């Protein structure tokens, strides 16, 4: 992430969590968040250009650690794993976002992440 943590972004992440109905969580409550759009995804440089061309909103660049830090700042215990998609991927997907079929398979299985955020009592 660029130097100087974007407090506005952190507020948006936590605001989305609150708006989802998950927050505030009771002790022992768990919230899951999934993303594959992060700067450590090998496809991100390509996707960033495509999204910038298709959207009026600025495209953000965040690492998985930035998501961890945002949830941890809200007092949540955070763990993460690969999404691990193990089903069939449609072979006729557009090559605009996935240059090869292996990119489509690897993205879903390896680059997409699921965060588990648990509220623990003090």
PDB file of N, CA and C in Angstrom:
ATOM      1  N   UNK A   1       0.848  -1.166   0.000  1.00  0.00           N
ATOM      2  CA  UNK A   1       0.000   0.000   0.000  1.00  0.00           C
ATOM      3  C   UNK A   1       0.891   1.226   0.000  1.00  0.00           C
ATOM      4  N   UNK A   2       0.454   2.318  -0.629  1.00  0.00           N
ATOM      5  CA  UNK A   2       1.262   3.522  -0.648  1.00  0.00           C
ATOM      6  C   UNK A   2       1.613   3.983   0.759  1.00  0.00           C
ATOM      7  N   UNK A   3       2.708   4.714   0.873  1.00  0.00           N
ATOM      8  CA  UNK A   3       3.134   5.225   2.175  1.00  0.00           C
ATOM      9  C   UNK A   3       2.005   6.013   2.825  1.00  0.00           C
ATOM     10  N   UNK A   4       1.867   5.868   4.136  1.00  0.00           N
ATOM     11  CA  UNK A   4       0.806   6.570   4.846  1.00  0.00           C
ATOM     12  C   UNK A   4      -0.511   5.839   4.694  1.00  0.00           C
ATOM     13  N   UNK A   5      -0.907   5.094   5.704  1.00  0.00           N
ATOM     14  CA  UNK A   5      -2.123   4.297   5.605  1.00  0.00           C
ATOM     15  C   UNK A   5      -3.323   5.180   5.332  1.00  0.00           C
ATOM     16  N   UNK A   6      -4.114   4.784   4.371  1.00  0.00           N
ATOM     17  CA  UNK A   6      -5.294   5.535   3.971  1.00  0.00           C
ATOM     18  C   UNK A   6      -6.409   5.301   4.995  1.00  0.00           C
ATOM     19  N   UNK A   7      -6.533   6.202   5.951  1.00  0.00           N
ATOM     20  CA  UNK A   7      -7.544   6.060   7.001  1.00  0.00           C
ATOM     21  C   UNK A   7      -8.947   6.056   6.413  1.00  0.00           C
ATOM     22  N   UNK A   8      -9.149   6.766   5.318  1.00  0.00           N
ATOM     23  CA  UNK A   8     -10.452   6.767   4.663  1.00  0.00           C
ATOM     24  C   UNK A   8     -10.804   5.395   4.129  1.00  0.00           C
ATOM     25  N   UNK A   9      -9.824   4.720   3.567  1.00  0.00           N
ATOM     26  CA  UNK A   9     -10.060   3.365   3.072  1.00  0.00           C
ATOM     27  C   UNK A   9     -10.395   2.441   4.226  1.00  0.00           C
ATOM     28  N   UNK A  10      -9.646   2.547   5.318  1.00  0.00           N
ATOM     29  CA  UNK A  10      -9.910   1.706   6.483  1.00  0.00           C
ATOM     30  C   UNK A  10     -11.331   1.934   6.977  1.00  0.00           C
ATOM     31  N   UNK A  11     -11.757   3.167   6.999  1.00  0.00           N
ATOM     32  CA  UNK A  11     -13.125   3.477   7.428  1.00  0.00           C
ATOM     33  C   UNK A  11     -14.145   2.857   6.470  1.00  0.00           C
ATOM     34  N   UNK A  12     -13.861   2.862   5.168  1.00  0.00           N
ATOM     35  CA  UNK A  12     -14.782   2.257   4.195  1.00  0.00           C
ATOM     36  C   UNK A  12     -14.857   0.747   4.374  1.00  0.00           C
ATOM     37  N   UNK A  13     -13.715   0.093   4.599  1.00  0.00           N
ATOM     38  CA  UNK A  13     -13.720  -1.357   4.815  1.00  0.00           C
ATOM     39  C   UNK A  13     -14.536  -1.682   6.053  1.00  0.00           C
ATOM     40  N   UNK A  14     -14.266  -0.968   7.139  1.00  0.00           N
ATOM     41  CA  UNK A  14     -14.986  -1.234   8.381  1.00  0.00           C
ATOM     42  C   UNK A  14     -16.440  -0.811   8.267  1.00  0.00           C
ATOM     43  N   UNK A  15     -16.716   0.243   7.504  1.00  0.00           N
ATOM     44  CA  UNK A  15     -18.094   0.668   7.279  1.00  0.00           C
ATOM     45  C   UNK A  15     -18.871  -0.383   6.511  1.00  0.00           C
ATOM     46  N   UNK A  16     -18.228  -1.010   5.526  1.00  0.00           N
ATOM     47  CA  UNK A  16     -18.882  -2.077   4.763  1.00  0.00           C
ATOM     48  C   UNK A  16     -19.168  -3.264   5.666  1.00  0.00           C
ATOM     49  N   UNK A  17     -18.237  -3.534   6.555  1.00  0.00           N
ATOM     50  CA  UNK A  17     -18.430  -4.618   7.515  1.00  0.00           C
ATOM     51  C   UNK A  17     -19.628  -4.300   8.410  1.00  0.00           C
ATOM     52  N   UNK A  18     -19.697  -3.099   8.935  1.00  0.00           N
ATOM     53  CA  UNK A  18     -20.819  -2.692   9.782  1.00  0.00           C
ATOM     54  C   UNK A  18     -22.130  -2.746   9.001  1.00  0.00           C
ATOM     55  N   UNK A  19     -22.127  -2.237   7.780  1.00  0.00           N
ATOM     56  CA  UNK A  19     -23.345  -2.177   6.965  1.00  0.00           C
ATOM     57  C   UNK A  19     -23.844  -3.566   6.583  1.00  0.00           C
ATOM     58  N   UNK A  20     -22.946  -4.554   6.571  1.00  0.00           N
ATOM     59  CA  UNK A  20     -23.349  -5.907   6.192  1.00  0.00           C
ATOM     60  C   UNK A  20     -24.246  -6.554   7.237  1.00  0.00           C
ATOM     61  N   UNK A  21     -24.349  -5.920   8.388  1.00  0.00           N
ATOM     62  CA  UNK A  21     -25.141  -6.491   9.464  1.00  0.00           C
ATOM     63  C   UNK A  21     -24.304  -7.363  10.390  1.00  0.00           C
ATOM     64  N   UNK A  22     -23.026  -7.505  10.086  1.00  0.00           N
ATOM     65  CA  UNK A  22     -22.145  -8.335  10.903  1.00  0.00           C
ATOM     66  C   UNK A  22     -21.629  -7.584  12.125  1.00  0.00           C
ATOM     67  N   UNK A  23     -21.604  -6.283  12.041  1.00  0.00           N
ATOM     68  CA  UNK A  23     -21.031  -5.539  13.153  1.00  0.00           C
ATOM     69  C   UNK A  23     -22.069  -4.656  13.774  1.00  0.00           C
ATOM     70  N   UNK A  24     -22.026  -4.430  15.031  1.00  0.00           N
ATOM     71  CA  UNK A  24     -20.982  -4.993  15.884  1.00  0.00           C
ATOM     72  C   UNK A  24     -21.258  -6.461  16.199  1.00  0.00           C
ATOM     73  N   UNK A  25     -20.191  -7.236  16.206  1.00  0.00           N
ATOM     74  CA  UNK A  25     -20.316  -8.654  16.516  1.00  0.00           C
ATOM     75  C   UNK A  25     -20.356  -8.864  18.025  1.00  0.00           C
ATOM     76  N   UNK A  26     -21.072  -9.869  18.454  1.00  0.00           N
ATOM     77  CA  UNK A  26     -21.022 -10.248  19.867  1.00  0.00           C
ATOM     78  C   UNK A  26     -19.750 -11.056  20.070  1.00  0.00           C
ATOM     79  N   UNK A  27     -19.335 -11.238  21.303  1.00  0.00           N
ATOM     80  CA  UNK A  27     -18.150 -12.043  21.582  1.00  0.00           C
ATOM     81  C   UNK A  27     -18.314 -13.427  20.970  1.00  0.00           C
ATOM     82  N   UNK A  28     -17.289 -13.874  20.287  1.00  0.00           N
ATOM     83  CA  UNK A  28     -17.326 -15.163  19.611  1.00  0.00           C
ATOM     84  C   UNK A  28     -17.911 -15.099  18.209  1.00  0.00           C
ATOM     85  N   UNK A  29     -18.468 -13.926  17.832  1.00  0.00           N
ATOM     86  CA  UNK A  29     -19.037 -13.763  16.498  1.00  0.00           C
ATOM     87  C   UNK A  29     -17.961 -13.774  15.433  1.00  0.00           C
ATOM     88  N   UNK A  30     -18.317 -14.279  14.265  1.00  0.00           N
ATOM     89  CA  UNK A  30     -17.356 -14.404  13.166  1.00  0.00           C
ATOM     90  C   UNK A  30     -17.909 -13.718  11.918  1.00  0.00           C
ATOM     91  N   UNK A  31     -17.034 -12.989  11.234  1.00  0.00           N
ATOM     92  CA  UNK A  31     -17.362 -12.324   9.977  1.00  0.00           C
ATOM     93  C   UNK A  31     -16.357 -12.798   8.938  1.00  0.00           C
ATOM     94  N   UNK A  32     -16.842 -13.131   7.746  1.00  0.00           N
ATOM     95  CA  UNK A  32     -15.963 -13.567   6.658  1.00  0.00           C
ATOM     96  C   UNK A  32     -15.968 -12.520   5.552  1.00  0.00           C
ATOM     97  N   UNK A  33     -14.795 -12.249   5.000  1.00  0.00           N
ATOM     98  CA  UNK A  33     -14.663 -11.337   3.865  1.00  0.00           C
ATOM     99  C   UNK A  33     -13.800 -12.037   2.816  1.00  0.00           C
ATOM    100  N   UNK A  34     -14.170 -11.876   1.550  1.00  0.00           N
ATOM    101  CA  UNK A  34     -13.444 -12.522   0.450  1.00  0.00           C
ATOM    102  C   UNK A  34     -13.002 -11.457  -0.544  1.00  0.00           C
ATOM    103  N   UNK A  35     -11.761 -11.564  -0.996  1.00  0.00           N
ATOM    104  CA  UNK A  35     -11.286 -10.685  -2.060  1.00  0.00           C
ATOM    105  C   UNK A  35     -10.226 -11.395  -2.890  1.00  0.00           C
ATOM    106  N   UNK A  36     -10.190 -11.031  -4.131  1.00  0.00           N
ATOM    107  CA  UNK A  36      -9.134 -11.473  -5.032  1.00  0.00           C
ATOM    108  C   UNK A  36      -8.495 -10.260  -5.691  1.00  0.00           C
ATOM    109  N   UNK A  37      -9.124  -9.117  -5.479  1.00  0.00           N
ATOM    110  CA  UNK A  37      -8.626  -7.859  -6.048  1.00  0.00           C
ATOM    111  C   UNK A  37      -7.675  -7.219  -5.062  1.00  0.00           C
ATOM    112  N   UNK A  38      -6.439  -7.665  -5.115  1.00  0.00           N
ATOM    113  CA  UNK A  38      -5.405  -7.116  -4.233  1.00  0.00           C
ATOM    114  C   UNK A  38      -4.099  -7.043  -5.018  1.00  0.00           C
ATOM    115  N   UNK A  39      -3.215  -6.197  -4.567  1.00  0.00           N
ATOM    116  CA  UNK A  39      -2.005  -5.918  -5.333  1.00  0.00           C
ATOM    117  C   UNK A  39      -1.003  -7.076  -5.370  1.00  0.00           C
ATOM    118  N   UNK A  40      -1.235  -8.133  -4.596  1.00  0.00           N
ATOM    119  CA  UNK A  40      -0.340  -9.289  -4.656  1.00  0.00           C
ATOM    120  C   UNK A  40      -0.864 -10.388  -5.573  1.00  0.00           C
ATOM    121  N   UNK A  41      -2.012 -10.155  -6.181  1.00  0.00           N
ATOM    122  CA  UNK A  41      -2.553 -11.089  -7.176  1.00  0.00           C
ATOM    123  C   UNK A  41      -1.794 -10.860  -8.488  1.00  0.00           C
ATOM    124  N   UNK A  42      -1.248 -11.918  -9.105  1.00  0.00           N
ATOM    125  CA  UNK A  42      -0.492 -11.732 -10.351  1.00  0.00           C
ATOM    126  C   UNK A  42      -1.298 -11.075 -11.474  1.00  0.00           C
ATOM    127  N   UNK A  43      -2.609 -11.217 -11.464  1.00  0.00           N
ATOM    128  CA  UNK A  43      -3.447 -10.612 -12.505  1.00  0.00           C
ATOM    129  C   UNK A  43      -3.791  -9.148 -12.213  1.00  0.00           C
ATOM    130  N   UNK A  44      -3.470  -8.671 -11.009  1.00  0.00           N
ATOM    131  CA  UNK A  44      -3.889  -7.329 -10.615  1.00  0.00           C
ATOM    132  C   UNK A  44      -3.393  -6.225 -11.555  1.00  0.00           C
ATOM    133  N   UNK A  45      -2.154  -6.196 -12.018  1.00  0.00           N
ATOM    134  CA  UNK A  45      -1.750  -5.109 -12.926  1.00  0.00           C
ATOM    135  C   UNK A  45      -2.646  -5.033 -14.173  1.00  0.00           C
ATOM    136  N   UNK A  46      -2.986  -6.171 -14.730  1.00  0.00           N
ATOM    137  CA  UNK A  46      -3.876  -6.214 -15.898  1.00  0.00           C
ATOM    138  C   UNK A  46      -5.266  -5.731 -15.509  1.00  0.00           C
ATOM    139  N   UNK A  47      -5.795  -6.268 -14.402  1.00  0.00           N
ATOM    140  CA  UNK A  47      -7.144  -5.903 -13.961  1.00  0.00           C
ATOM    141  C   UNK A  47      -7.233  -4.438 -13.599  1.00  0.00           C
ATOM    142  N   UNK A  48      -6.182  -3.920 -12.994  1.00  0.00           N
ATOM    143  CA  UNK A  48      -6.191  -2.507 -12.588  1.00  0.00           C
ATOM    144  C   UNK A  48      -6.416  -1.611 -13.802  1.00  0.00           C
ATOM    145  N   UNK A  49      -5.728  -1.909 -14.890  1.00  0.00           N
ATOM    146  CA  UNK A  49      -5.898  -1.131 -16.127  1.00  0.00           C
ATOM    147  C   UNK A  49      -7.308  -1.279 -16.681  1.00  0.00           C
ATOM    148  N   UNK A  50      -7.807  -2.499 -16.704  1.00  0.00           N
ATOM    149  CA  UNK A  50      -9.163  -2.730 -17.217  1.00  0.00           C
ATOM    150  C   UNK A  50     -10.211  -2.021 -16.363  1.00  0.00           C
ATOM    151  N   UNK A  51     -10.090  -2.124 -15.050  1.00  0.00           N
ATOM    152  CA  UNK A  51     -11.046  -1.473 -14.155  1.00  0.00           C
ATOM    153  C   UNK A  51     -10.985   0.050 -14.277  1.00  0.00           C
ATOM    154  N   UNK A  52      -9.789   0.581 -14.396  1.00  0.00           N
ATOM    155  CA  UNK A  52      -9.639   2.033 -14.534  1.00  0.00           C
ATOM    156  C   UNK A  52     -10.311   2.527 -15.813  1.00  0.00           C
ATOM    157  N   UNK A  53     -10.251   1.727 -16.860  1.00  0.00           N
ATOM    158  CA  UNK A  53     -10.867   2.107 -18.136  1.00  0.00           C
ATOM    159  C   UNK A  53     -12.388   1.972 -18.098  1.00  0.00           C
ATOM    160  N   UNK A  54     -12.912   1.085 -17.238  1.00  0.00           N
ATOM    161  CA  UNK A  54     -14.347   0.809 -17.208  1.00  0.00           C
ATOM    162  C   UNK A  54     -15.105   1.530 -16.095  1.00  0.00           C
ATOM    163  N   UNK A  55     -14.406   2.133 -15.164  1.00  0.00           N
ATOM    164  CA  UNK A  55     -15.058   2.687 -13.983  1.00  0.00           C
ATOM    165  C   UNK A  55     -14.770   4.175 -13.825  1.00  0.00           C
ATOM    166  N   UNK A  56     -15.704   4.861 -13.233  1.00  0.00           N
ATOM    167  CA  UNK A  56     -15.486   6.267 -12.890  1.00  0.00           C
ATOM    168  C   UNK A  56     -14.840   6.406 -11.516  1.00  0.00           C
ATOM    169  N   UNK A  57     -14.888   5.351 -10.731  1.00  0.00           N
ATOM    170  CA  UNK A  57     -14.306   5.380  -9.388  1.00  0.00           C
ATOM    171  C   UNK A  57     -12.809   5.100  -9.468  1.00  0.00           C
ATOM    172  N   UNK A  58     -12.045   5.712  -8.585  1.00  0.00           N
ATOM    173  CA  UNK A  58     -10.611   5.420  -8.576  1.00  0.00           C
ATOM    174  C   UNK A  58     -10.362   3.967  -8.162  1.00  0.00           C
ATOM    175  N   UNK A  59      -9.400   3.338  -8.792  1.00  0.00           N
ATOM    176  CA  UNK A  59      -9.049   1.954  -8.478  1.00  0.00           C
ATOM    177  C   UNK A  59      -8.041   1.983  -7.339  1.00  0.00           C
ATOM    178  N   UNK A  60      -8.310   1.195  -6.325  1.00  0.00           N
ATOM    179  CA  UNK A  60      -7.456   1.164  -5.144  1.00  0.00           C
ATOM    180  C   UNK A  60      -6.425   0.044  -5.255  1.00  0.00           C
ATOM    181  N   UNK A  61      -5.282   0.230  -4.622  1.00  0.00           N
ATOM    182  CA  UNK A  61      -4.235  -0.792  -4.572  1.00  0.00           C
ATOM    183  C   UNK A  61      -3.974  -1.159  -3.119  1.00  0.00           C
ATOM    184  N   UNK A  62      -4.452  -2.323  -2.705  1.00  0.00           N
ATOM    185  CA  UNK A  62      -4.240  -2.763  -1.331  1.00  0.00           C
ATOM    186  C   UNK A  62      -3.723  -4.182  -1.305  1.00  0.00           C
ATOM    187  N   UNK A  63      -2.828  -4.429  -0.359  1.00  0.00           N
ATOM    188  CA  UNK A  63      -2.266  -5.757  -0.147  1.00  0.00           C
ATOM    189  C   UNK A  63      -3.174  -6.531   0.802  1.00  0.00           C
ATOM    190  N   UNK A  64      -3.083  -7.847   0.821  1.00  0.00           N
ATOM    191  CA  UNK A  64      -3.849  -8.603   1.810  1.00  0.00           C
ATOM    192  C   UNK A  64      -3.565  -8.139   3.239  1.00  0.00           C
ATOM    193  N   UNK A  65      -2.335  -7.759   3.520  1.00  0.00           N
ATOM    194  CA  UNK A  65      -1.989  -7.285   4.862  1.00  0.00           C
ATOM    195  C   UNK A  65      -2.784  -6.041   5.242  1.00  0.00           C
ATOM    196  N   UNK A  66      -3.114  -5.213   4.259  1.00  0.00           N
ATOM    197  CA  UNK A  66      -3.907  -4.013   4.531  1.00  0.00           C
ATOM    198  C   UNK A  66      -5.306  -4.375   5.022  1.00  0.00           C
ATOM    199  N   UNK A  67      -5.886  -5.437   4.452  1.00  0.00           N
ATOM    200  CA  UNK A  67      -7.192  -5.906   4.923  1.00  0.00           C
ATOM    201  C   UNK A  67      -7.067  -6.422   6.353  1.00  0.00           C
ATOM    202  N   UNK A  68      -6.026  -7.201   6.610  1.00  0.00           N
ATOM    203  CA  UNK A  68      -5.793  -7.725   7.958  1.00  0.00           C
ATOM    204  C   UNK A  68      -5.681  -6.563   8.948  1.00  0.00           C
ATOM    205  N   UNK A  69      -4.882  -5.564   8.600  1.00  0.00           N
ATOM    206  CA  UNK A  69      -4.676  -4.429   9.495  1.00  0.00           C
ATOM    207  C   UNK A  69      -5.975  -3.678   9.772  1.00  0.00           C
ATOM    208  N   UNK A  70      -6.818  -3.527   8.752  1.00  0.00           N
ATOM    209  CA  UNK A  70      -8.078  -2.802   8.934  1.00  0.00           C
ATOM    210  C   UNK A  70      -9.003  -3.543   9.893  1.00  0.00           C
ATOM    211  N   UNK A  71      -9.137  -4.843   9.724  1.00  0.00           N
ATOM    212  CA  UNK A  71     -10.004  -5.608  10.624  1.00  0.00           C
ATOM    213  C   UNK A  71      -9.408  -5.705  12.023  1.00  0.00           C
ATOM    214  N   UNK A  72      -8.088  -5.867  12.112  1.00  0.00           N
ATOM    215  CA  UNK A  72      -7.442  -5.939  13.419  1.00  0.00           C
ATOM    216  C   UNK A  72      -7.609  -4.618  14.172  1.00  0.00           C
ATOM    217  N   UNK A  73      -7.579  -3.510  13.443  1.00  0.00           N
ATOM    218  CA  UNK A  73      -7.755  -2.192  14.074  1.00  0.00           C
ATOM    219  C   UNK A  73      -9.141  -2.058  14.699  1.00  0.00           C
ATOM    220  N   UNK A  74     -10.092  -2.852  14.228  1.00  0.00           N
ATOM    221  CA  UNK A  74     -11.442  -2.844  14.786  1.00  0.00           C
ATOM    222  C   UNK A  74     -11.560  -3.817  15.959  1.00  0.00           C
ATOM    223  N   UNK A  75     -10.424  -4.405  16.355  1.00  0.00           N
ATOM    224  CA  UNK A  75     -10.429  -5.294  17.500  1.00  0.00           C
ATOM    225  C   UNK A  75     -10.773  -6.735  17.185  1.00  0.00           C
ATOM    226  N   UNK A  76     -10.682  -7.108  15.920  1.00  0.00           N
ATOM    227  CA  UNK A  76     -11.015  -8.477  15.525  1.00  0.00           C
ATOM    228  C   UNK A  76      -9.752  -9.327  15.425  1.00  0.00           C
ATOM    229  N   UNK A  77      -9.875 -10.597  15.770  1.00  0.00           N
ATOM    230  CA  UNK A  77      -8.809 -11.571  15.551  1.00  0.00           C
ATOM    231  C   UNK A  77      -8.944 -12.014  14.097  1.00  0.00           C
ATOM    232  N   UNK A  78      -7.896 -11.859  13.321  1.00  0.00           N
ATOM    233  CA  UNK A  78      -7.985 -12.106  11.884  1.00  0.00           C
ATOM    234  C   UNK A  78      -7.123 -13.301  11.487  1.00  0.00           C
ATOM    235  N   UNK A  79      -7.706 -14.175  10.692  1.00  0.00           N
ATOM    236  CA  UNK A  79      -6.946 -15.255  10.063  1.00  0.00           C
ATOM    237  C   UNK A  79      -7.330 -15.261   8.587  1.00  0.00           C
ATOM    238  N   UNK A  80      -6.498 -15.860   7.772  1.00  0.00           N
ATOM    239  CA  UNK A  80      -6.724 -15.823   6.327  1.00  0.00           C
ATOM    240  C   UNK A  80      -6.267 -17.138   5.702  1.00  0.00           C
ATOM    241  N   UNK A  81      -6.933 -17.513   4.622  1.00  0.00           N
ATOM    242  CA  UNK A  81      -6.493 -18.673   3.844  1.00  0.00           C
ATOM    243  C   UNK A  81      -6.862 -18.444   2.387  1.00  0.00           C
ATOM    244  N   UNK A  82      -6.282 -19.272   1.525  1.00  0.00           N
ATOM    245  CA  UNK A  82      -6.662 -19.230   0.120  1.00  0.00           C
ATOM    246  C   UNK A  82      -8.113 -19.674   0.021  1.00  0.00           C
ATOM    247  N   UNK A  83      -8.841 -19.069  -0.891  1.00  0.00           N
ATOM    248  CA  UNK A  83     -10.241 -19.430  -1.073  1.00  0.00           C
ATOM    249  C   UNK A  83     -10.350 -20.916  -1.410  1.00  0.00           C
ATOM    250  N   UNK A  84      -9.413 -21.399  -2.220  1.00  0.00           N
ATOM    251  CA  UNK A  84      -9.324 -22.819  -2.485  1.00  0.00           C
ATOM    252  C   UNK A  84     -10.444 -23.395  -3.326  1.00  0.00           C
ATOM    253  N   UNK A  85     -10.918 -22.636  -4.254  1.00  0.00           N
ATOM    254  CA  UNK A  85     -11.976 -23.100  -5.141  1.00  0.00           C
ATOM    255  C   UNK A  85     -11.520 -24.386  -5.810  1.00  0.00           C
ATOM    256  N   UNK A  86     -12.325 -25.433  -5.709  1.00  0.00           N
ATOM    257  CA  UNK A  86     -11.913 -26.710  -6.289  1.00  0.00           C
ATOM    258  C   UNK A  86     -12.981 -27.310  -7.208  1.00  0.00           C
ATOM    259  N   UNK A  87     -13.758 -26.451  -7.813  1.00  0.00           N
ATOM    260  CA  UNK A  87     -14.785 -26.893  -8.742  1.00  0.00           C
ATOM    261  C   UNK A  87     -14.299 -26.604 -10.161  1.00  0.00           C
ATOM    262  N   UNK A  88     -15.142 -26.874 -11.126  1.00  0.00           N
ATOM    263  CA  UNK A  88     -14.803 -26.582 -12.508  1.00  0.00           C
ATOM    264  C   UNK A  88     -14.945 -25.087 -12.779  1.00  0.00           C
ATOM    265  N   UNK A  89     -14.036 -24.555 -13.578  1.00  0.00           N
ATOM    266  CA  UNK A  89     -14.079 -23.168 -14.024  1.00  0.00           C
ATOM    267  C   UNK A  89     -14.564 -23.182 -15.468  1.00  0.00           C
ATOM    268  N   UNK A  90     -15.560 -22.367 -15.797  1.00  0.00           N
ATOM    269  CA  UNK A  90     -16.033 -22.363 -17.190  1.00  0.00           C
ATOM    270  C   UNK A  90     -14.877 -22.092 -18.164  1.00  0.00           C
ATOM    271  N   UNK A  91     -14.693 -22.971 -19.114  1.00  0.00           N
ATOM    272  CA  UNK A  91     -13.577 -22.860 -20.064  1.00  0.00           C
ATOM    273  C   UNK A  91     -13.822 -21.794 -21.115  1.00  0.00           C
ATOM    274  N   UNK A  92     -15.043 -21.302 -21.205  1.00  0.00           N
ATOM    275  CA  UNK A  92     -15.361 -20.298 -22.217  1.00  0.00           C
ATOM    276  C   UNK A  92     -15.335 -18.884 -21.651  1.00  0.00           C
ATOM    277  N   UNK A  93     -14.728 -18.714 -20.470  1.00  0.00           N
ATOM    278  CA  UNK A  93     -14.619 -17.371 -19.892  1.00  0.00           C
ATOM    279  C   UNK A  93     -13.888 -16.447 -20.862  1.00  0.00           C
ATOM    280  N   UNK A  94     -14.246 -15.189 -20.802  1.00  0.00           N
ATOM    281  CA  UNK A  94     -13.562 -14.186 -21.616  1.00  0.00           C
ATOM    282  C   UNK A  94     -12.080 -14.147 -21.257  1.00  0.00           C
ATOM    283  N   UNK A  95     -11.251 -13.976 -22.228  1.00  0.00           N
ATOM    284  CA  UNK A  95      -9.802 -13.864 -22.001  1.00  0.00           C
ATOM    285  C   UNK A  95      -9.395 -12.425 -21.670  1.00  0.00           C
ATOM    286  N   UNK A  96     -10.356 -11.530 -21.586  1.00  0.00           N
ATOM    287  CA  UNK A  96     -10.039 -10.143 -21.235  1.00  0.00           C
ATOM    288  C   UNK A  96      -9.444 -10.063 -19.827  1.00  0.00           C
ATOM    289  N   UNK A  97     -10.066 -10.734 -18.872  1.00  0.00           N
ATOM    290  CA  UNK A  97      -9.579 -10.704 -17.494  1.00  0.00           C
ATOM    291  C   UNK A  97      -8.663 -11.872 -17.166  1.00  0.00           C
ATOM    292  N   UNK A  98      -8.820 -12.976 -17.859  1.00  0.00           N
ATOM    293  CA  UNK A  98      -8.009 -14.163 -17.631  1.00  0.00           C
ATOM    294  C   UNK A  98      -7.337 -14.527 -18.946  1.00  0.00           C
ATOM    295  N   UNK A  99      -6.083 -14.119 -19.148  1.00  0.00           N
ATOM    296  CA  UNK A  99      -5.409 -14.354 -20.425  1.00  0.00           C
ATOM    297  C   UNK A  99      -5.351 -15.826 -20.832  1.00  0.00           C
ATOM    298  N   UNK A 100      -5.317 -16.730 -19.866  1.00  0.00           N
ATOM    299  CA  UNK A 100      -5.328 -18.157 -20.194  1.00  0.00           C
ATOM    300  C   UNK A 100      -6.287 -18.866 -19.244  1.00  0.00           C
ATOM    301  N   UNK A 101      -6.672 -20.062 -19.613  1.00  0.00           N
ATOM    302  CA  UNK A 101      -7.563 -20.842 -18.756  1.00  0.00           C
ATOM    303  C   UNK A 101      -6.866 -21.157 -17.432  1.00  0.00           C
ATOM    304  N   UNK A 102      -5.552 -21.337 -17.447  1.00  0.00           N
ATOM    305  CA  UNK A 102      -4.821 -21.575 -16.202  1.00  0.00           C
ATOM    306  C   UNK A 102      -4.885 -20.368 -15.276  1.00  0.00           C
ATOM    307  N   UNK A 103      -4.905 -19.161 -15.856  1.00  0.00           N
ATOM    308  CA  UNK A 103      -5.072 -17.961 -15.028  1.00  0.00           C
ATOM    309  C   UNK A 103      -6.407 -18.003 -14.288  1.00  0.00           C
ATOM    310  N   UNK A 104      -7.458 -18.411 -14.980  1.00  0.00           N
ATOM    311  CA  UNK A 104      -8.789 -18.482 -14.366  1.00  0.00           C
ATOM    312  C   UNK A 104      -8.814 -19.522 -13.250  1.00  0.00           C
ATOM    313  N   UNK A 105      -8.170 -20.644 -13.464  1.00  0.00           N
ATOM    314  CA  UNK A 105      -8.133 -21.701 -12.454  1.00  0.00           C
ATOM    315  C   UNK A 105      -7.294 -21.273 -11.255  1.00  0.00           C
ATOM    316  N   UNK A 106      -6.109 -20.742 -11.518  1.00  0.00           N
ATOM    317  CA  UNK A 106      -5.201 -20.355 -10.427  1.00  0.00           C
ATOM    318  C   UNK A 106      -5.754 -19.196  -9.612  1.00  0.00           C
ATOM    319  N   UNK A 107      -6.403 -18.253 -10.263  1.00  0.00           N
ATOM    320  CA  UNK A 107      -6.972 -17.123  -9.523  1.00  0.00           C
ATOM    321  C   UNK A 107      -7.942 -17.620  -8.458  1.00  0.00           C
ATOM    322  N   UNK A 108      -8.898 -18.437  -8.867  1.00  0.00           N
ATOM    323  CA  UNK A 108      -9.925 -18.896  -7.932  1.00  0.00           C
ATOM    324  C   UNK A 108      -9.347 -19.782  -6.833  1.00  0.00           C
ATOM    325  N   UNK A 109      -8.348 -20.575  -7.155  1.00  0.00           N
ATOM    326  CA  UNK A 109      -7.793 -21.532  -6.200  1.00  0.00           C
ATOM    327  C   UNK A 109      -6.673 -20.959  -5.343  1.00  0.00           C
ATOM    328  N   UNK A 110      -5.899 -20.017  -5.882  1.00  0.00           N
ATOM    329  CA  UNK A 110      -4.691 -19.578  -5.197  1.00  0.00           C
ATOM    330  C   UNK A 110      -4.666 -18.105  -4.803  1.00  0.00           C
ATOM    331  N   UNK A 111      -5.195 -17.245  -5.652  1.00  0.00           N
ATOM    332  CA  UNK A 111      -5.040 -15.806  -5.417  1.00  0.00           C
ATOM    333  C   UNK A 111      -6.207 -15.181  -4.661  1.00  0.00           C
ATOM    334  N   UNK A 112      -7.372 -15.768  -4.765  1.00  0.00           N
ATOM    335  CA  UNK A 112      -8.541 -15.280  -4.044  1.00  0.00           C
ATOM    336  C   UNK A 112      -8.399 -15.704  -2.589  1.00  0.00           C
ATOM    337  N   UNK A 113      -8.677 -14.794  -1.673  1.00  0.00           N
ATOM    338  CA  UNK A 113      -8.467 -15.039  -0.247  1.00  0.00           C
ATOM    339  C   UNK A 113      -9.760 -14.890   0.544  1.00  0.00           C
ATOM    340  N   UNK A 114      -9.863 -15.643   1.623  1.00  0.00           N
ATOM    341  CA  UNK A 114     -10.976 -15.497   2.540  1.00  0.00           C
ATOM    342  C   UNK A 114     -10.409 -15.153   3.925  1.00  0.00           C
ATOM    343  N   UNK A 115     -10.923 -14.069   4.477  1.00  0.00           N
ATOM    344  CA  UNK A 115     -10.506 -13.597   5.791  1.00  0.00           C
ATOM    345  C   UNK A 115     -11.561 -14.014   6.811  1.00  0.00           C
ATOM    346  N   UNK A 116     -11.129 -14.543   7.920  1.00  0.00           N
ATOM    347  CA  UNK A 116     -12.008 -14.903   9.018  1.00  0.00           C
ATOM    348  C   UNK A 116     -11.716 -13.944  10.160  1.00  0.00           C
ATOM    349  N   UNK A 117     -12.713 -13.182  10.548  1.00  0.00           N
ATOM    350  CA  UNK A 117     -12.543 -12.154  11.573  1.00  0.00           C
ATOM    351  C   UNK A 117     -13.451 -12.510  12.753  1.00  0.00           C
ATOM    352  N   UNK A 118     -12.835 -12.698  13.902  1.00  0.00           N
ATOM    353  CA  UNK A 118     -13.586 -13.112  15.088  1.00  0.00           C
ATOM    354  C   UNK A 118     -13.445 -12.076  16.188  1.00  0.00           C
ATOM    355  N   UNK A 119     -14.562 -11.782  16.818  1.00  0.00           N
ATOM    356  CA  UNK A 119     -14.529 -10.875  17.966  1.00  0.00           C
ATOM    357  C   UNK A 119     -14.341 -11.722  19.214  1.00  0.00           C
ATOM    358  N   UNK A 120     -13.325 -11.377  19.952  1.00  0.00           N
ATOM    359  CA  UNK A 120     -13.053 -12.065  21.204  1.00  0.00           C
ATOM    360  C   UNK A 120     -13.164 -11.066  22.334  1.00  0.00           C
ATOM    361  N   UNK A 121     -13.781 -11.476  23.406  1.00  0.00           N
ATOM    362  CA  UNK A 121     -13.909 -10.601  24.577  1.00  0.00           C
ATOM    363  C   UNK A 121     -12.549 -10.265  25.159  1.00  0.00           C
ATOM    364  N   UNK A 122     -12.460  -9.104  25.755  1.00  0.00           N
ATOM    365  CA  UNK A 122     -11.183  -8.668  26.343  1.00  0.00           C
ATOM    366  C   UNK A 122     -10.851  -9.401  27.615  1.00  0.00           C
TER     367      UNK A 122
END
